[in-house]
Amino acid sequence: MTRYLISFDDGAMTFPEEELPQVSEDSHKVVREAQDAGVWVFGGGLQRQRASIVGTDGTVTDGPFPETKAVVGGFSVIDVPSREEALKWAAKFAASCRCAQEVREIMHDPEV
């Protein structure tokens, strides 16, 4: 099995605020479905805030940098047998969240 990161841009959820309860319910339904299917690893929405950037020397600065165009608004990590399967789950999340999802394979680390 391979793990995939499914994520969406913070600014992608452009539905009216009054739809948020339904979007939340729909999204949690997909998470429960992924859990029941045994493919769910971890995920969640991210607070809308500026990130802290920690440099290699330990210095901390506020981010993201102004040239950053996209900021992750939420993510899911799933463990499935193929990219095609990951894309099917991403489609379910896209429908429930009302926004496009990005799918990226997580590199295998034999040490973990």
PDB file of N, CA and C in Angstrom:
ATOM      1  N   MET A   1       0.853  -1.185   0.000  1.00  0.00           N
ATOM      2  CA  MET A   1       0.000   0.000   0.000  1.00  0.00           C
ATOM      3  C   MET A   1       0.893   1.241   0.000  1.00  0.00           C
ATOM      4  N   THR A   2       0.350   2.293  -0.546  1.00  0.00           N
ATOM      5  CA  THR A   2       1.076   3.550  -0.656  1.00  0.00           C
ATOM      6  C   THR A   2       0.256   4.649  -0.003  1.00  0.00           C
ATOM      7  N   ARG A   3       0.945   5.554   0.655  1.00  0.00           N
ATOM      8  CA  ARG A   3       0.254   6.678   1.281  1.00  0.00           C
ATOM      9  C   ARG A   3       0.223   7.870   0.332  1.00  0.00           C
ATOM     10  N   TYR A   4      -0.901   8.564   0.372  1.00  0.00           N
ATOM     11  CA  TYR A   4      -1.102   9.745  -0.460  1.00  0.00           C
ATOM     12  C   TYR A   4      -1.583  10.901   0.411  1.00  0.00           C
ATOM     13  N   LEU A   5      -1.105  12.082   0.067  1.00  0.00           N
ATOM     14  CA  LEU A   5      -1.559  13.312   0.697  1.00  0.00           C
ATOM     15  C   LEU A   5      -2.595  13.934  -0.227  1.00  0.00           C
ATOM     16  N   ILE A   6      -3.784  14.152   0.298  1.00  0.00           N
ATOM     17  CA  ILE A   6      -4.847  14.830  -0.427  1.00  0.00           C
ATOM     18  C   ILE A   6      -5.053  16.155   0.297  1.00  0.00           C
ATOM     19  N   SER A   7      -4.898  17.261  -0.413  1.00  0.00           N
ATOM     20  CA  SER A   7      -4.980  18.559   0.261  1.00  0.00           C
ATOM     21  C   SER A   7      -5.706  19.570  -0.618  1.00  0.00           C
ATOM     22  N   PHE A   8      -6.075  20.681   0.007  1.00  0.00           N
ATOM     23  CA  PHE A   8      -6.726  21.753  -0.739  1.00  0.00           C
ATOM     24  C   PHE A   8      -6.203  23.097  -0.282  1.00  0.00           C
ATOM     25  N   ASP A   9      -6.274  24.061  -1.174  1.00  0.00           N
ATOM     26  CA  ASP A   9      -5.822  25.417  -0.922  1.00  0.00           C
ATOM     27  C   ASP A   9      -6.768  26.115   0.046  1.00  0.00           C
ATOM     28  N   ASP A  10      -6.203  26.904   0.931  1.00  0.00           N
ATOM     29  CA  ASP A  10      -6.983  27.628   1.941  1.00  0.00           C
ATOM     30  C   ASP A  10      -8.055  28.516   1.328  1.00  0.00           C
ATOM     31  N   GLY A  11      -7.789  29.090   0.180  1.00  0.00           N
ATOM     32  CA  GLY A  11      -8.755  29.991  -0.438  1.00  0.00           C
ATOM     33  C   GLY A  11      -9.747  29.307  -1.361  1.00  0.00           C
ATOM     34  N   ALA A  12      -9.674  27.982  -1.460  1.00  0.00           N
ATOM     35  CA  ALA A  12     -10.510  27.260  -2.417  1.00  0.00           C
ATOM     36  C   ALA A  12     -11.949  27.064  -1.950  1.00  0.00           C
ATOM     37  N   MET A  13     -12.179  27.124  -0.668  1.00  0.00           N
ATOM     38  CA  MET A  13     -13.530  26.904  -0.153  1.00  0.00           C
ATOM     39  C   MET A  13     -14.284  28.235  -0.210  1.00  0.00           C
ATOM     40  N   THR A  14     -14.993  28.445  -1.311  1.00  0.00           N
ATOM     41  CA  THR A  14     -15.630  29.741  -1.556  1.00  0.00           C
ATOM     42  C   THR A  14     -17.152  29.698  -1.446  1.00  0.00           C
ATOM     43  N   PHE A  15     -17.684  28.663  -0.862  1.00  0.00           N
ATOM     44  CA  PHE A  15     -19.134  28.555  -0.719  1.00  0.00           C
ATOM     45  C   PHE A  15     -19.626  29.549   0.345  1.00  0.00           C
ATOM     46  N   PRO A  16     -20.917  29.872   0.342  1.00  0.00           N
ATOM     47  CA  PRO A  16     -21.464  30.776   1.352  1.00  0.00           C
ATOM     48  C   PRO A  16     -21.301  30.205   2.766  1.00  0.00           C
ATOM     49  N   GLU A  17     -21.041  31.075   3.718  1.00  0.00           N
ATOM     50  CA  GLU A  17     -20.776  30.654   5.099  1.00  0.00           C
ATOM     51  C   GLU A  17     -21.910  29.816   5.688  1.00  0.00           C
ATOM     52  N   GLU A  18     -23.137  30.076   5.288  1.00  0.00           N
ATOM     53  CA  GLU A  18     -24.263  29.317   5.840  1.00  0.00           C
ATOM     54  C   GLU A  18     -24.247  27.846   5.411  1.00  0.00           C
ATOM     55  N   GLU A  19     -23.441  27.521   4.398  1.00  0.00           N
ATOM     56  CA  GLU A  19     -23.312  26.120   3.961  1.00  0.00           C
ATOM     57  C   GLU A  19     -22.270  25.343   4.769  1.00  0.00           C
ATOM     58  N   LEU A  20     -21.510  26.031   5.623  1.00  0.00           N
ATOM     59  CA  LEU A  20     -20.435  25.376   6.369  1.00  0.00           C
ATOM     60  C   LEU A  20     -20.904  24.168   7.186  1.00  0.00           C
ATOM     61  N   PRO A  21     -22.029  24.225   7.894  1.00  0.00           N
ATOM     62  CA  PRO A  21     -22.456  23.031   8.638  1.00  0.00           C
ATOM     63  C   PRO A  21     -22.668  21.811   7.726  1.00  0.00           C
ATOM     64  N   GLN A  22     -23.252  22.011   6.556  1.00  0.00           N
ATOM     65  CA  GLN A  22     -23.479  20.900   5.631  1.00  0.00           C
ATOM     66  C   GLN A  22     -22.159  20.402   5.060  1.00  0.00           C
ATOM     67  N   VAL A  23     -21.254  21.318   4.717  1.00  0.00           N
ATOM     68  CA  VAL A  23     -19.934  20.930   4.206  1.00  0.00           C
ATOM     69  C   VAL A  23     -19.190  20.120   5.263  1.00  0.00           C
ATOM     70  N   SER A  24     -19.244  20.560   6.494  1.00  0.00           N
ATOM     71  CA  SER A  24     -18.594  19.836   7.590  1.00  0.00           C
ATOM     72  C   SER A  24     -19.183  18.436   7.748  1.00  0.00           C
ATOM     73  N   GLU A  25     -20.499  18.346   7.725  1.00  0.00           N
ATOM     74  CA  GLU A  25     -21.157  17.045   7.841  1.00  0.00           C
ATOM     75  C   GLU A  25     -20.772  16.126   6.680  1.00  0.00           C
ATOM     76  N   ASP A  26     -20.794  16.667   5.465  1.00  0.00           N
ATOM     77  CA  ASP A  26     -20.449  15.873   4.282  1.00  0.00           C
ATOM     78  C   ASP A  26     -18.994  15.400   4.336  1.00  0.00           C
ATOM     79  N   SER A  27     -18.104  16.282   4.755  1.00  0.00           N
ATOM     80  CA  SER A  27     -16.682  15.934   4.842  1.00  0.00           C
ATOM     81  C   SER A  27     -16.435  14.859   5.894  1.00  0.00           C
ATOM     82  N   HIS A  28     -17.083  14.996   7.049  1.00  0.00           N
ATOM     83  CA  HIS A  28     -16.920  13.979   8.098  1.00  0.00           C
ATOM     84  C   HIS A  28     -17.481  12.630   7.651  1.00  0.00           C
ATOM     85  N   LYS A  29     -18.512  12.659   6.827  1.00  0.00           N
ATOM     86  CA  LYS A  29     -19.070  11.418   6.292  1.00  0.00           C
ATOM     87  C   LYS A  29     -18.027  10.697   5.432  1.00  0.00           C
ATOM     88  N   VAL A  30     -17.287  11.434   4.603  1.00  0.00           N
ATOM     89  CA  VAL A  30     -16.240  10.824   3.769  1.00  0.00           C
ATOM     90  C   VAL A  30     -15.116  10.296   4.651  1.00  0.00           C
ATOM     91  N   VAL A  31     -14.754  11.031   5.696  1.00  0.00           N
ATOM     92  CA  VAL A  31     -13.713  10.550   6.616  1.00  0.00           C
ATOM     93  C   VAL A  31     -14.156   9.241   7.260  1.00  0.00           C
ATOM     94  N   ARG A  32     -15.400   9.178   7.728  1.00  0.00           N
ATOM     95  CA  ARG A  32     -15.902   7.930   8.335  1.00  0.00           C
ATOM     96  C   ARG A  32     -15.890   6.786   7.321  1.00  0.00           C
ATOM     97  N   GLU A  33     -16.236   7.083   6.073  1.00  0.00           N
ATOM     98  CA  GLU A  33     -16.202   6.068   5.022  1.00  0.00           C
ATOM     99  C   GLU A  33     -14.766   5.564   4.820  1.00  0.00           C
ATOM    100  N   ALA A  34     -13.797   6.477   4.805  1.00  0.00           N
ATOM    101  CA  ALA A  34     -12.386   6.098   4.649  1.00  0.00           C
ATOM    102  C   ALA A  34     -11.911   5.283   5.860  1.00  0.00           C
ATOM    103  N   GLN A  35     -12.360   5.655   7.040  1.00  0.00           N
ATOM    104  CA  GLN A  35     -12.011   4.891   8.241  1.00  0.00           C
ATOM    105  C   GLN A  35     -12.591   3.480   8.160  1.00  0.00           C
ATOM    106  N   ASP A  36     -13.857   3.387   7.782  1.00  0.00           N
ATOM    107  CA  ASP A  36     -14.508   2.077   7.666  1.00  0.00           C
ATOM    108  C   ASP A  36     -13.841   1.204   6.600  1.00  0.00           C
ATOM    109  N   ALA A  37     -13.308   1.838   5.544  1.00  0.00           N
ATOM    110  CA  ALA A  37     -12.628   1.101   4.482  1.00  0.00           C
ATOM    111  C   ALA A  37     -11.199   0.734   4.864  1.00  0.00           C
ATOM    112  N   GLY A  38     -10.719   1.272   5.996  1.00  0.00           N
ATOM    113  CA  GLY A  38      -9.369   0.964   6.463  1.00  0.00           C
ATOM    114  C   GLY A  38      -8.267   1.706   5.723  1.00  0.00           C
ATOM    115  N   VAL A  39      -8.595   2.807   5.033  1.00  0.00           N
ATOM    116  CA  VAL A  39      -7.575   3.547   4.284  1.00  0.00           C
ATOM    117  C   VAL A  39      -7.179   4.866   4.948  1.00  0.00           C
ATOM    118  N   TRP A  40      -7.938   5.304   5.938  1.00  0.00           N
ATOM    119  CA  TRP A  40      -7.677   6.582   6.601  1.00  0.00           C
ATOM    120  C   TRP A  40      -6.440   6.471   7.492  1.00  0.00           C
ATOM    121  N   VAL A  41      -5.522   7.446   7.375  1.00  0.00           N
ATOM    122  CA  VAL A  41      -4.361   7.514   8.251  1.00  0.00           C
ATOM    123  C   VAL A  41      -4.506   8.690   9.200  1.00  0.00           C
ATOM    124  N   PHE A  42      -4.688   9.887   8.639  1.00  0.00           N
ATOM    125  CA  PHE A  42      -4.780  11.088   9.468  1.00  0.00           C
ATOM    126  C   PHE A  42      -5.191  12.251   8.586  1.00  0.00           C
ATOM    127  N   GLY A  43      -5.747  13.286   9.179  1.00  0.00           N
ATOM    128  CA  GLY A  43      -6.053  14.489   8.423  1.00  0.00           C
ATOM    129  C   GLY A  43      -6.758  15.512   9.270  1.00  0.00           C
ATOM    130  N   GLY A  44      -7.008  16.657   8.674  1.00  0.00           N
ATOM    131  CA  GLY A  44      -7.733  17.703   9.364  1.00  0.00           C
ATOM    132  C   GLY A  44      -7.619  19.024   8.643  1.00  0.00           C
ATOM    133  N   GLY A  45      -8.427  19.973   9.088  1.00  0.00           N
ATOM    134  CA  GLY A  45      -8.349  21.327   8.573  1.00  0.00           C
ATOM    135  C   GLY A  45      -7.300  22.099   9.356  1.00  0.00           C
ATOM    136  N   LEU A  46      -6.750  23.112   8.728  1.00  0.00           N
ATOM    137  CA  LEU A  46      -5.748  23.931   9.383  1.00  0.00           C
ATOM    138  C   LEU A  46      -6.346  25.288   9.722  1.00  0.00           C
ATOM    139  N   GLN A  47      -5.999  25.787  10.900  1.00  0.00           N
ATOM    140  CA  GLN A  47      -6.462  27.111  11.304  1.00  0.00           C
ATOM    141  C   GLN A  47      -5.960  28.139  10.316  1.00  0.00           C
ATOM    142  N   ARG A  48      -6.803  29.085   9.997  1.00  0.00           N
ATOM    143  CA  ARG A  48      -6.411  30.163   9.078  1.00  0.00           C
ATOM    144  C   ARG A  48      -5.541  31.139   9.867  1.00  0.00           C
ATOM    145  N   GLN A  49      -4.261  30.987   9.707  1.00  0.00           N
ATOM    146  CA  GLN A  49      -3.306  31.831  10.422  1.00  0.00           C
ATOM    147  C   GLN A  49      -1.985  31.838   9.669  1.00  0.00           C
ATOM    148  N   ARG A  50      -1.142  32.765  10.001  1.00  0.00           N
ATOM    149  CA  ARG A  50       0.193  32.786   9.411  1.00  0.00           C
ATOM    150  C   ARG A  50       1.011  31.699  10.070  1.00  0.00           C
ATOM    151  N   ALA A  51       1.759  30.992   9.267  1.00  0.00           N
ATOM    152  CA  ALA A  51       2.610  29.922   9.779  1.00  0.00           C
ATOM    153  C   ALA A  51       3.889  30.518  10.353  1.00  0.00           C
ATOM    154  N   SER A  52       4.529  29.782  11.235  1.00  0.00           N
ATOM    155  CA  SER A  52       5.860  30.139  11.701  1.00  0.00           C
ATOM    156  C   SER A  52       6.857  29.323  10.899  1.00  0.00           C
ATOM    157  N   ILE A  53       7.880  29.982  10.389  1.00  0.00           N
ATOM    158  CA  ILE A  53       8.913  29.323   9.601  1.00  0.00           C
ATOM    159  C   ILE A  53      10.142  29.189  10.487  1.00  0.00           C
ATOM    160  N   VAL A  54      10.616  27.963  10.677  1.00  0.00           N
ATOM    161  CA  VAL A  54      11.800  27.712  11.486  1.00  0.00           C
ATOM    162  C   VAL A  54      12.948  27.388  10.546  1.00  0.00           C
ATOM    163  N   GLY A  55      13.982  28.220  10.562  1.00  0.00           N
ATOM    164  CA  GLY A  55      15.134  28.049   9.680  1.00  0.00           C
ATOM    165  C   GLY A  55      16.069  26.958  10.169  1.00  0.00           C
ATOM    166  N   THR A  56      17.009  26.618   9.319  1.00  0.00           N
ATOM    167  CA  THR A  56      17.976  25.566   9.668  1.00  0.00           C
ATOM    168  C   THR A  56      18.837  25.960  10.853  1.00  0.00           C
ATOM    169  N   ASP A  57      18.952  27.258  11.111  1.00  0.00           N
ATOM    170  CA  ASP A  57      19.731  27.715  12.266  1.00  0.00           C
ATOM    171  C   ASP A  57      18.862  27.911  13.505  1.00  0.00           C
ATOM    172  N   GLY A  58      17.557  27.581  13.392  1.00  0.00           N
ATOM    173  CA  GLY A  58      16.650  27.685  14.530  1.00  0.00           C
ATOM    174  C   GLY A  58      15.925  29.012  14.642  1.00  0.00           C
ATOM    175  N   THR A  59      16.229  29.970  13.777  1.00  0.00           N
ATOM    176  CA  THR A  59      15.523  31.246  13.841  1.00  0.00           C
ATOM    177  C   THR A  59      14.080  31.060  13.391  1.00  0.00           C
ATOM    178  N   VAL A  60      13.199  31.820  14.009  1.00  0.00           N
ATOM    179  CA  VAL A  60      11.769  31.717  13.723  1.00  0.00           C
ATOM    180  C   VAL A  60      11.294  33.030  13.106  1.00  0.00           C
ATOM    181  N   THR A  61      10.607  32.929  11.980  1.00  0.00           N
ATOM    182  CA  THR A  61      10.014  34.091  11.334  1.00  0.00           C
ATOM    183  C   THR A  61       8.567  33.767  10.994  1.00  0.00           C
ATOM    184  N   ASP A  62       7.782  34.820  10.813  1.00  0.00           N
ATOM    185  CA  ASP A  62       6.395  34.622  10.400  1.00  0.00           C
ATOM    186  C   ASP A  62       6.339  34.323   8.921  1.00  0.00           C
ATOM    187  N   GLY A  63       5.410  33.499   8.513  1.00  0.00           N
ATOM    188  CA  GLY A  63       5.247  33.156   7.110  1.00  0.00           C
ATOM    189  C   GLY A  63       3.775  33.000   6.840  1.00  0.00           C
ATOM    190  N   PRO A  64       3.359  32.492   5.711  1.00  0.00           N
ATOM    191  CA  PRO A  64       4.237  32.207   4.589  1.00  0.00           C
ATOM    192  C   PRO A  64       4.749  33.494   3.981  1.00  0.00           C
ATOM    193  N   PHE A  65       5.731  33.361   3.131  1.00  0.00           N
ATOM    194  CA  PHE A  65       6.313  34.517   2.494  1.00  0.00           C
ATOM    195  C   PHE A  65       5.310  35.140   1.538  1.00  0.00           C
ATOM    196  N   PRO A  66       5.384  36.449   1.316  1.00  0.00           N
ATOM    197  CA  PRO A  66       4.396  37.128   0.450  1.00  0.00           C
ATOM    198  C   PRO A  66       4.263  36.526  -0.944  1.00  0.00           C
ATOM    199  N   GLU A  67       5.329  35.968  -1.489  1.00  0.00           N
ATOM    200  CA  GLU A  67       5.247  35.394  -2.831  1.00  0.00           C
ATOM    201  C   GLU A  67       4.510  34.059  -2.860  1.00  0.00           C
ATOM    202  N   THR A  68       4.180  33.518  -1.686  1.00  0.00           N
ATOM    203  CA  THR A  68       3.434  32.269  -1.627  1.00  0.00           C
ATOM    204  C   THR A  68       2.017  32.511  -2.128  1.00  0.00           C
ATOM    205  N   LYS A  69       1.599  31.743  -3.126  1.00  0.00           N
ATOM    206  CA  LYS A  69       0.275  31.937  -3.700  1.00  0.00           C
ATOM    207  C   LYS A  69      -0.751  30.987  -3.092  1.00  0.00           C
ATOM    208  N   ALA A  70      -0.301  29.824  -2.673  1.00  0.00           N
ATOM    209  CA  ALA A  70      -1.229  28.833  -2.132  1.00  0.00           C
ATOM    210  C   ALA A  70      -0.788  28.420  -0.730  1.00  0.00           C
ATOM    211  N   VAL A  71      -1.764  28.297   0.138  1.00  0.00           N
ATOM    212  CA  VAL A  71      -1.510  27.857   1.503  1.00  0.00           C
ATOM    213  C   VAL A  71      -2.455  26.693   1.775  1.00  0.00           C
ATOM    214  N   VAL A  72      -1.954  25.621   2.338  1.00  0.00           N
ATOM    215  CA  VAL A  72      -2.778  24.439   2.605  1.00  0.00           C
ATOM    216  C   VAL A  72      -3.854  24.790   3.633  1.00  0.00           C
ATOM    217  N   GLY A  73      -5.098  24.489   3.280  1.00  0.00           N
ATOM    218  CA  GLY A  73      -6.214  24.750   4.176  1.00  0.00           C
ATOM    219  C   GLY A  73      -6.658  23.516   4.939  1.00  0.00           C
ATOM    220  N   GLY A  74      -6.362  22.338   4.391  1.00  0.00           N
ATOM    221  CA  GLY A  74      -6.711  21.085   5.041  1.00  0.00           C
ATOM    222  C   GLY A  74      -6.110  19.934   4.269  1.00  0.00           C
ATOM    223  N   PHE A  75      -6.065  18.783   4.904  1.00  0.00           N
ATOM    224  CA  PHE A  75      -5.427  17.639   4.263  1.00  0.00           C
ATOM    225  C   PHE A  75      -5.952  16.333   4.825  1.00  0.00           C
ATOM    226  N   SER A  76      -5.730  15.279   4.053  1.00  0.00           N
ATOM    227  CA  SER A  76      -6.013  13.909   4.470  1.00  0.00           C
ATOM    228  C   SER A  76      -4.842  13.051   4.007  1.00  0.00           C
ATOM    229  N   VAL A  77      -4.477  12.087   4.813  1.00  0.00           N
ATOM    230  CA  VAL A  77      -3.483  11.100   4.407  1.00  0.00           C
ATOM    231  C   VAL A  77      -4.202   9.760   4.373  1.00  0.00           C
ATOM    232  N   ILE A  78      -4.133   9.105   3.212  1.00  0.00           N
ATOM    233  CA  ILE A  78      -4.765   7.805   3.062  1.00  0.00           C
ATOM    234  C   ILE A  78      -3.721   6.785   2.632  1.00  0.00           C
ATOM    235  N   ASP A  79      -4.005   5.535   2.859  1.00  0.00           N
ATOM    236  CA  ASP A  79      -3.105   4.439   2.501  1.00  0.00           C
ATOM    237  C   ASP A  79      -3.887   3.488   1.612  1.00  0.00           C
ATOM    238  N   VAL A  80      -3.584   3.541   0.311  1.00  0.00           N
ATOM    239  CA  VAL A  80      -4.342   2.775  -0.683  1.00  0.00           C
ATOM    240  C   VAL A  80      -3.387   2.059  -1.634  1.00  0.00           C
ATOM    241  N   PRO A  81      -3.886   1.057  -2.374  1.00  0.00           N
ATOM    242  CA  PRO A  81      -3.009   0.268  -3.235  1.00  0.00           C
ATOM    243  C   PRO A  81      -2.560   0.944  -4.529  1.00  0.00           C
ATOM    244  N   SER A  82      -3.227   2.037  -4.947  1.00  0.00           N
ATOM    245  CA  SER A  82      -2.860   2.631  -6.233  1.00  0.00           C
ATOM    246  C   SER A  82      -3.212   4.116  -6.274  1.00  0.00           C
ATOM    247  N   ARG A  83      -2.575   4.799  -7.224  1.00  0.00           N
ATOM    248  CA  ARG A  83      -2.883   6.207  -7.450  1.00  0.00           C
ATOM    249  C   ARG A  83      -4.338   6.372  -7.890  1.00  0.00           C
ATOM    250  N   GLU A  84      -4.815   5.449  -8.687  1.00  0.00           N
ATOM    251  CA  GLU A  84      -6.203   5.507  -9.144  1.00  0.00           C
ATOM    252  C   GLU A  84      -7.168   5.496  -7.954  1.00  0.00           C
ATOM    253  N   GLU A  85      -6.867   4.660  -6.973  1.00  0.00           N
ATOM    254  CA  GLU A  85      -7.702   4.601  -5.768  1.00  0.00           C
ATOM    255  C   GLU A  85      -7.616   5.923  -4.996  1.00  0.00           C
ATOM    256  N   ALA A  86      -6.415   6.494  -4.915  1.00  0.00           N
ATOM    257  CA  ALA A  86      -6.246   7.790  -4.237  1.00  0.00           C
ATOM    258  C   ALA A  86      -7.069   8.864  -4.948  1.00  0.00           C
ATOM    259  N   LEU A  87      -7.089   8.833  -6.267  1.00  0.00           N
ATOM    260  CA  LEU A  87      -7.861   9.817  -7.022  1.00  0.00           C
ATOM    261  C   LEU A  87      -9.366   9.661  -6.775  1.00  0.00           C
ATOM    262  N   LYS A  88      -9.819   8.430  -6.589  1.00  0.00           N
ATOM    263  CA  LYS A  88     -11.237   8.210  -6.276  1.00  0.00           C
ATOM    264  C   LYS A  88     -11.597   8.825  -4.927  1.00  0.00           C
ATOM    265  N   TRP A  89     -10.703   8.644  -3.943  1.00  0.00           N
ATOM    266  CA  TRP A  89     -10.953   9.242  -2.625  1.00  0.00           C
ATOM    267  C   TRP A  89     -10.885  10.761  -2.719  1.00  0.00           C
ATOM    268  N   ALA A  90      -9.946  11.286  -3.491  1.00  0.00           N
ATOM    269  CA  ALA A  90      -9.842  12.738  -3.661  1.00  0.00           C
ATOM    270  C   ALA A  90     -11.122  13.306  -4.265  1.00  0.00           C
ATOM    271  N   ALA A  91     -11.719  12.581  -5.187  1.00  0.00           N
ATOM    272  CA  ALA A  91     -12.981  13.030  -5.790  1.00  0.00           C
ATOM    273  C   ALA A  91     -14.084  13.107  -4.734  1.00  0.00           C
ATOM    274  N   LYS A  92     -14.105  12.163  -3.818  1.00  0.00           N
ATOM    275  CA  LYS A  92     -15.103  12.187  -2.739  1.00  0.00           C
ATOM    276  C   LYS A  92     -14.873  13.386  -1.825  1.00  0.00           C
ATOM    277  N   PHE A  93     -13.602  13.648  -1.498  1.00  0.00           N
ATOM    278  CA  PHE A  93     -13.298  14.814  -0.661  1.00  0.00           C
ATOM    279  C   PHE A  93     -13.611  16.108  -1.391  1.00  0.00           C
ATOM    280  N   ALA A  94     -13.323  16.175  -2.690  1.00  0.00           N
ATOM    281  CA  ALA A  94     -13.615  17.377  -3.472  1.00  0.00           C
ATOM    282  C   ALA A  94     -15.116  17.680  -3.454  1.00  0.00           C
ATOM    283  N   ALA A  95     -15.919  16.654  -3.640  1.00  0.00           N
ATOM    284  CA  ALA A  95     -17.376  16.848  -3.631  1.00  0.00           C
ATOM    285  C   ALA A  95     -17.860  17.295  -2.255  1.00  0.00           C
ATOM    286  N   SER A  96     -17.326  16.678  -1.205  1.00  0.00           N
ATOM    287  CA  SER A  96     -17.798  17.007   0.142  1.00  0.00           C
ATOM    288  C   SER A  96     -17.322  18.386   0.606  1.00  0.00           C
ATOM    289  N   CYS A  97     -16.105  18.773   0.221  1.00  0.00           N
ATOM    290  CA  CYS A  97     -15.536  20.064   0.634  1.00  0.00           C
ATOM    291  C   CYS A  97     -15.905  21.206  -0.308  1.00  0.00           C
ATOM    292  N   ARG A  98     -16.490  20.839  -1.452  1.00  0.00           N
ATOM    293  CA  ARG A  98     -16.872  21.833  -2.463  1.00  0.00           C
ATOM    294  C   ARG A  98     -15.657  22.549  -3.049  1.00  0.00           C
ATOM    295  N   CYS A  99     -14.518  21.838  -3.134  1.00  0.00           N
ATOM    296  CA  CYS A  99     -13.331  22.454  -3.736  1.00  0.00           C
ATOM    297  C   CYS A  99     -12.377  21.374  -4.260  1.00  0.00           C
ATOM    298  N   ALA A 100     -11.569  21.772  -5.223  1.00  0.00           N
ATOM    299  CA  ALA A 100     -10.604  20.855  -5.836  1.00  0.00           C
ATOM    300  C   ALA A 100      -9.582  20.370  -4.805  1.00  0.00           C
ATOM    301  N   GLN A 101      -9.081  19.172  -5.039  1.00  0.00           N
ATOM    302  CA  GLN A 101      -8.105  18.550  -4.150  1.00  0.00           C
ATOM    303  C   GLN A 101      -6.830  18.235  -4.925  1.00  0.00           C
ATOM    304  N   GLU A 102      -5.700  18.386  -4.280  1.00  0.00           N
ATOM    305  CA  GLU A 102      -4.414  18.019  -4.862  1.00  0.00           C
ATOM    306  C   GLU A 102      -4.017  16.665  -4.297  1.00  0.00           C
ATOM    307  N   VAL A 103      -3.523  15.781  -5.151  1.00  0.00           N
ATOM    308  CA  VAL A 103      -3.125  14.428  -4.720  1.00  0.00           C
ATOM    309  C   VAL A 103      -1.637  14.260  -4.975  1.00  0.00           C
ATOM    310  N   ARG A 104      -0.907  13.877  -3.922  1.00  0.00           N
ATOM    311  CA  ARG A 104       0.537  13.661  -4.045  1.00  0.00           C
ATOM    312  C   ARG A 104       0.922  12.394  -3.307  1.00  0.00           C
ATOM    313  N   GLU A 105       1.762  11.593  -3.945  1.00  0.00           N
ATOM    314  CA  GLU A 105       2.248  10.367  -3.322  1.00  0.00           C
ATOM    315  C   GLU A 105       3.304  10.718  -2.278  1.00  0.00           C
ATOM    316  N   ILE A 106       3.215  10.078  -1.120  1.00  0.00           N
ATOM    317  CA  ILE A 106       4.204  10.271  -0.070  1.00  0.00           C
ATOM    318  C   ILE A 106       5.328   9.249  -0.296  1.00  0.00           C
ATOM    319  N   MET A 107       6.543   9.724  -0.313  1.00  0.00           N
ATOM    320  CA  MET A 107       7.686   8.838  -0.556  1.00  0.00           C
ATOM    321  C   MET A 107       7.785   7.780   0.540  1.00  0.00           C
ATOM    322  N   HIS A 108       8.080   6.564   0.134  1.00  0.00           N
ATOM    323  CA  HIS A 108       8.276   5.474   1.083  1.00  0.00           C
ATOM    324  C   HIS A 108       9.601   5.666   1.804  1.00  0.00           C
ATOM    325  N   ASP A 109       9.597   5.501   3.106  1.00  0.00           N
ATOM    326  CA  ASP A 109      10.812   5.568   3.897  1.00  0.00           C
ATOM    327  C   ASP A 109      11.015   4.225   4.572  1.00  0.00           C
ATOM    328  N   PRO A 110      12.017   3.465   4.154  1.00  0.00           N
ATOM    329  CA  PRO A 110      12.221   2.134   4.729  1.00  0.00           C
ATOM    330  C   PRO A 110      12.606   2.155   6.212  1.00  0.00           C
ATOM    331  N   GLU A 111      12.966   3.316   6.724  1.00  0.00           N
ATOM    332  CA  GLU A 111      13.335   3.449   8.137  1.00  0.00           C
ATOM    333  C   GLU A 111      12.110   3.606   9.038  1.00  0.00           C
ATOM    334  N   VAL A 112      10.957   3.855   8.434  1.00  0.00           N
ATOM    335  CA  VAL A 112       9.747   4.122   9.245  1.00  0.00           C
ATOM    336  C   VAL A 112       8.766   2.986   9.085  1.00  0.00           C
TER     337      VAL A 112
END
